[in-house]
C-alpha atoms as a PDB file:
ATOM      1  CA  MET A   1       7.508 -23.999  13.870  1.00  0.00           C
ATOM      2  CA  ARG A   2       5.236 -21.023  13.383  1.00  0.00           C
ATOM      3  CA  VAL A   3       2.444 -19.699  15.577  1.00  0.00           C
ATOM      4  CA  PHE A   4      -0.124 -17.419  13.916  1.00  0.00           C
ATOM      5  CA  ASP A   5      -1.877 -14.737  15.888  1.00  0.00           C
ATOM      6  CA  SER A   6      -5.255 -13.217  15.031  1.00  0.00           C
ATOM      7  CA  TRP A   7      -3.670 -10.404  13.003  1.00  0.00           C
ATOM      8  CA  ALA A   8      -1.934 -12.892  10.712  1.00  0.00           C
ATOM      9  CA  TRP A   9      -5.107 -14.922  10.143  1.00  0.00           C
ATOM     10  CA  ILE A  10      -7.221 -11.868   9.432  1.00  0.00           C
ATOM     11  CA  GLU A  11      -4.715 -10.708   6.818  1.00  0.00           C
ATOM     12  CA  PHE A  12      -4.695 -14.224   5.357  1.00  0.00           C
ATOM     13  CA  PHE A  13      -8.469 -14.149   4.913  1.00  0.00           C
ATOM     14  CA  ARG A  14      -8.340 -10.586   3.522  1.00  0.00           C
ATOM     15  CA  GLY A  15      -5.867 -11.711   0.884  1.00  0.00           C
ATOM     16  CA  SER A  16      -3.510  -8.805   1.586  1.00  0.00           C
ATOM     17  CA  ARG A  17       0.213  -8.787   0.825  1.00  0.00           C
ATOM     18  CA  ALA A  18       0.928  -9.772   4.446  1.00  0.00           C
ATOM     19  CA  GLY A  19      -1.788 -12.410   4.080  1.00  0.00           C
ATOM     20  CA  GLN A  20       0.051 -13.848   1.082  1.00  0.00           C
ATOM     21  CA  ALA A  21       3.109 -14.354   3.288  1.00  0.00           C
ATOM     22  CA  VAL A  22       0.905 -16.232   5.761  1.00  0.00           C
ATOM     23  CA  LYS A  23      -0.571 -18.281   2.895  1.00  0.00           C
ATOM     24  CA  ASP A  24       2.934 -19.251   1.797  1.00  0.00           C
ATOM     25  CA  MET A  25       3.653 -20.463   5.337  1.00  0.00           C
ATOM     26  CA  VAL A  26       0.353 -22.365   5.523  1.00  0.00           C
ATOM     27  CA  GLU A  27       1.176 -24.093   2.236  1.00  0.00           C
ATOM     28  CA  GLY A  28       4.770 -24.776   3.306  1.00  0.00           C
ATOM     29  CA  GLN A  29       6.292 -27.508   5.418  1.00  0.00           C
ATOM     30  CA  ASP A  30       6.410 -25.758   8.811  1.00  0.00           C
ATOM     31  CA  ILE A  31       4.540 -27.157  11.788  1.00  0.00           C
ATOM     32  CA  LEU A  32       1.834 -24.598  12.537  1.00  0.00           C
ATOM     33  CA  PHE A  33      -0.017 -23.525  15.680  1.00  0.00           C
ATOM     34  CA  THR A  34      -2.730 -21.054  16.655  1.00  0.00           C
ATOM     35  CA  PRO A  35      -3.359 -19.954  20.256  1.00  0.00           C
ATOM     36  CA  ALA A  36      -6.893 -20.867  21.381  1.00  0.00           C
ATOM     37  CA  ILE A  37      -7.568 -17.287  22.450  1.00  0.00           C
ATOM     38  CA  CYS A  38      -7.110 -16.188  18.824  1.00  0.00           C
ATOM     39  CA  LEU A  39     -10.152 -18.259  17.874  1.00  0.00           C
ATOM     40  CA  ALA A  40     -12.211 -16.066  20.214  1.00  0.00           C
ATOM     41  CA  GLU A  41     -10.772 -12.866  18.729  1.00  0.00           C
ATOM     42  CA  ILE A  42     -11.353 -14.018  15.152  1.00  0.00           C
ATOM     43  CA  LYS A  43     -14.873 -15.259  15.828  1.00  0.00           C
ATOM     44  CA  ALA A  44     -15.815 -12.028  17.585  1.00  0.00           C
ATOM     45  CA  LYS A  45     -14.437  -9.938  14.718  1.00  0.00           C
ATOM     46  CA  TYR A  46     -16.457 -11.717  12.049  1.00  0.00           C
ATOM     47  CA  LEU A  47     -19.619 -11.869  14.179  1.00  0.00           C
ATOM     48  CA  SER A  48     -19.365  -8.117  14.784  1.00  0.00           C
ATOM     49  CA  GLU A  49     -19.225  -7.673  11.001  1.00  0.00           C
ATOM     50  CA  ALA A  50     -22.298  -9.917  10.589  1.00  0.00           C
ATOM     51  CA  LYS A  51     -20.178 -12.562   8.818  1.00  0.00           C
ATOM     52  CA  ASP A  52     -20.344 -16.267   9.574  1.00  0.00           C
ATOM     53  CA  PRO A  53     -16.971 -17.258  11.086  1.00  0.00           C
ATOM     54  CA  ALA A  54     -17.542 -21.021  10.923  1.00  0.00           C
ATOM     55  CA  GLU A  55     -15.703 -21.728   7.664  1.00  0.00           C
ATOM     56  CA  ARG A  56     -12.691 -19.620   8.653  1.00  0.00           C
ATOM     57  CA  LEU A  57     -12.448 -21.195  12.112  1.00  0.00           C
ATOM     58  CA  SER A  58     -12.781 -24.662  10.617  1.00  0.00           C
ATOM     59  CA  PHE A  59      -9.950 -23.891   8.190  1.00  0.00           C
ATOM     60  CA  ILE A  60      -7.684 -22.674  11.005  1.00  0.00           C
ATOM     61  CA  LYS A  61      -8.404 -25.760  13.116  1.00  0.00           C
ATOM     62  CA  SER A  62      -7.795 -28.080  10.168  1.00  0.00           C
ATOM     63  CA  ARG A  63      -4.439 -26.512   9.261  1.00  0.00           C
ATOM     64  CA  THR A  64      -2.923 -25.769  12.674  1.00  0.00           C
ATOM     65  CA  SER A  65      -2.685 -27.282  16.117  1.00  0.00           C
ATOM     66  CA  ILE A  66      -4.489 -25.233  18.746  1.00  0.00           C
ATOM     67  CA  VAL A  67      -2.455 -24.194  21.794  1.00  0.00           C
ATOM     68  CA  ASP A  68      -4.660 -24.270  24.883  1.00  0.00           C
ATOM     69  CA  ILE A  69      -4.282 -21.776  27.681  1.00  0.00           C
ATOM     70  CA  ASP A  70      -3.603 -23.670  30.866  1.00  0.00           C
ATOM     71  CA  GLY A  71      -2.307 -22.447  34.190  1.00  0.00           C
ATOM     72  CA  ALA A  72       1.337 -22.376  33.096  1.00  0.00           C
ATOM     73  CA  VAL A  73       0.553 -20.357  29.947  1.00  0.00           C
ATOM     74  CA  ALA A  74      -1.607 -17.985  31.990  1.00  0.00           C
ATOM     75  CA  GLU A  75       1.173 -17.386  34.505  1.00  0.00           C
ATOM     76  CA  GLU A  76       3.781 -16.870  31.794  1.00  0.00           C
ATOM     77  CA  GLY A  77       1.346 -14.486  30.122  1.00  0.00           C
ATOM     78  CA  ALA A  78       1.264 -12.403  33.305  1.00  0.00           C
ATOM     79  CA  ASP A  79       5.065 -12.249  33.340  1.00  0.00           C
ATOM     80  CA  LEU A  80       5.164 -11.214  29.666  1.00  0.00           C
ATOM     81  CA  LYS A  81       2.444  -8.604  30.204  1.00  0.00           C
ATOM     82  CA  ILE A  82       4.549  -6.902  32.867  1.00  0.00           C
ATOM     83  CA  GLN A  83       7.883  -7.417  31.107  1.00  0.00           C
ATOM     84  CA  HIS A  84       6.774  -6.044  27.706  1.00  0.00           C
ATOM     85  CA  GLY A  85       3.803  -3.846  28.616  1.00  0.00           C
ATOM     86  CA  LEU A  86       1.435  -5.998  26.543  1.00  0.00           C
ATOM     87  CA  HIS A  87      -2.336  -6.225  26.717  1.00  0.00           C
ATOM     88  CA  THR A  88      -3.439  -9.405  28.484  1.00  0.00           C
ATOM     89  CA  VAL A  89      -4.626 -11.148  25.309  1.00  0.00           C
ATOM     90  CA  ASP A  90      -1.374 -10.309  23.490  1.00  0.00           C
ATOM     91  CA  ALA A  91       0.634 -11.606  26.443  1.00  0.00           C
ATOM     92  CA  LEU A  92      -1.333 -14.875  26.377  1.00  0.00           C
ATOM     93  CA  VAL A  93      -0.744 -15.181  22.620  1.00  0.00           C
ATOM     94  CA  LEU A  94       3.007 -14.731  23.111  1.00  0.00           C
ATOM     95  CA  ALA A  95       3.037 -17.190  26.025  1.00  0.00           C
ATOM     96  CA  SER A  96       1.179 -19.699  23.835  1.00  0.00           C
ATOM     97  CA  ALA A  97       3.762 -19.298  21.081  1.00  0.00           C
ATOM     98  CA  ARG A  98       6.558 -19.902  23.535  1.00  0.00           C
ATOM     99  CA  ARG A  99       4.735 -22.953  24.944  1.00  0.00           C
ATOM    100  CA  ALA A 100       4.492 -24.367  21.404  1.00  0.00           C
ATOM    101  CA  GLY A 101       8.191 -23.659  20.845  1.00  0.00           C
ATOM    102  CA  GLY A 102       7.444 -21.613  17.760  1.00  0.00           C
ATOM    103  CA  GLU A 103       8.000 -18.183  16.329  1.00  0.00           C
ATOM    104  CA  LEU A 104       4.980 -15.882  16.631  1.00  0.00           C
ATOM    105  CA  VAL A 105       3.881 -14.586  13.214  1.00  0.00           C
ATOM    106  CA  THR A 106       2.123 -11.212  13.409  1.00  0.00           C
ATOM    107  CA  GLY A 107       2.035  -7.671  12.161  1.00  0.00           C
ATOM    108  CA  ASP A 108       0.603  -6.307  15.402  1.00  0.00           C
ATOM    109  CA  LYS A 109       2.801  -3.377  16.422  1.00  0.00           C
ATOM    110  CA  HIS A 110       2.497  -4.324  20.100  1.00  0.00           C
ATOM    111  CA  PHE A 111       4.922  -7.198  19.471  1.00  0.00           C
ATOM    112  CA  ARG A 112       7.602  -5.119  17.720  1.00  0.00           C
ATOM    113  CA  GLY A 113      11.071  -5.673  19.165  1.00  0.00           C
ATOM    114  CA  ILE A 114      10.188  -8.788  21.169  1.00  0.00           C
ATOM    115  CA  SER A 115      12.388 -11.841  20.594  1.00  0.00           C
ATOM    116  CA  GLY A 116      10.749 -14.854  19.007  1.00  0.00           C
ATOM    117  CA  VAL A 117       8.391 -12.714  16.910  1.00  0.00           C
ATOM    118  CA  PHE A 118       8.355 -12.626  13.097  1.00  0.00           C
ATOM    119  CA  MET A 119       6.870  -9.287  12.071  1.00  0.00           C
ATOM    120  CA  LEU A 120       4.859  -9.149   8.865  1.00  0.00           C
ATOM    121  CA  GLU A 121       4.787  -5.745   7.191  1.00  0.00           C
END
């Protein structure tokens, strides 16, 4: 199982080399997830660039299961924030990946060295 964070999706839509690795995973046989909070990050990014995010968000929701942030994920996020010195959103993304039982796919340097994270370069 793979869990894509915002960084991975943005590279996917850019068509970068890292994005190609994400594309290969999307087209593969893995069960895929996206944390709900990543939808907010992605939408905000494209809105700030005056781009319509609807098609991209629809694609993500059609190809992956969305991991909601409930009380348990929020509390685990707090633990991970303190344990790894993460920003709150990053901690919630990691907690969501762990809730889904999947490996977090990212290239975000904040996750470097954390177990259960597949770093794209």
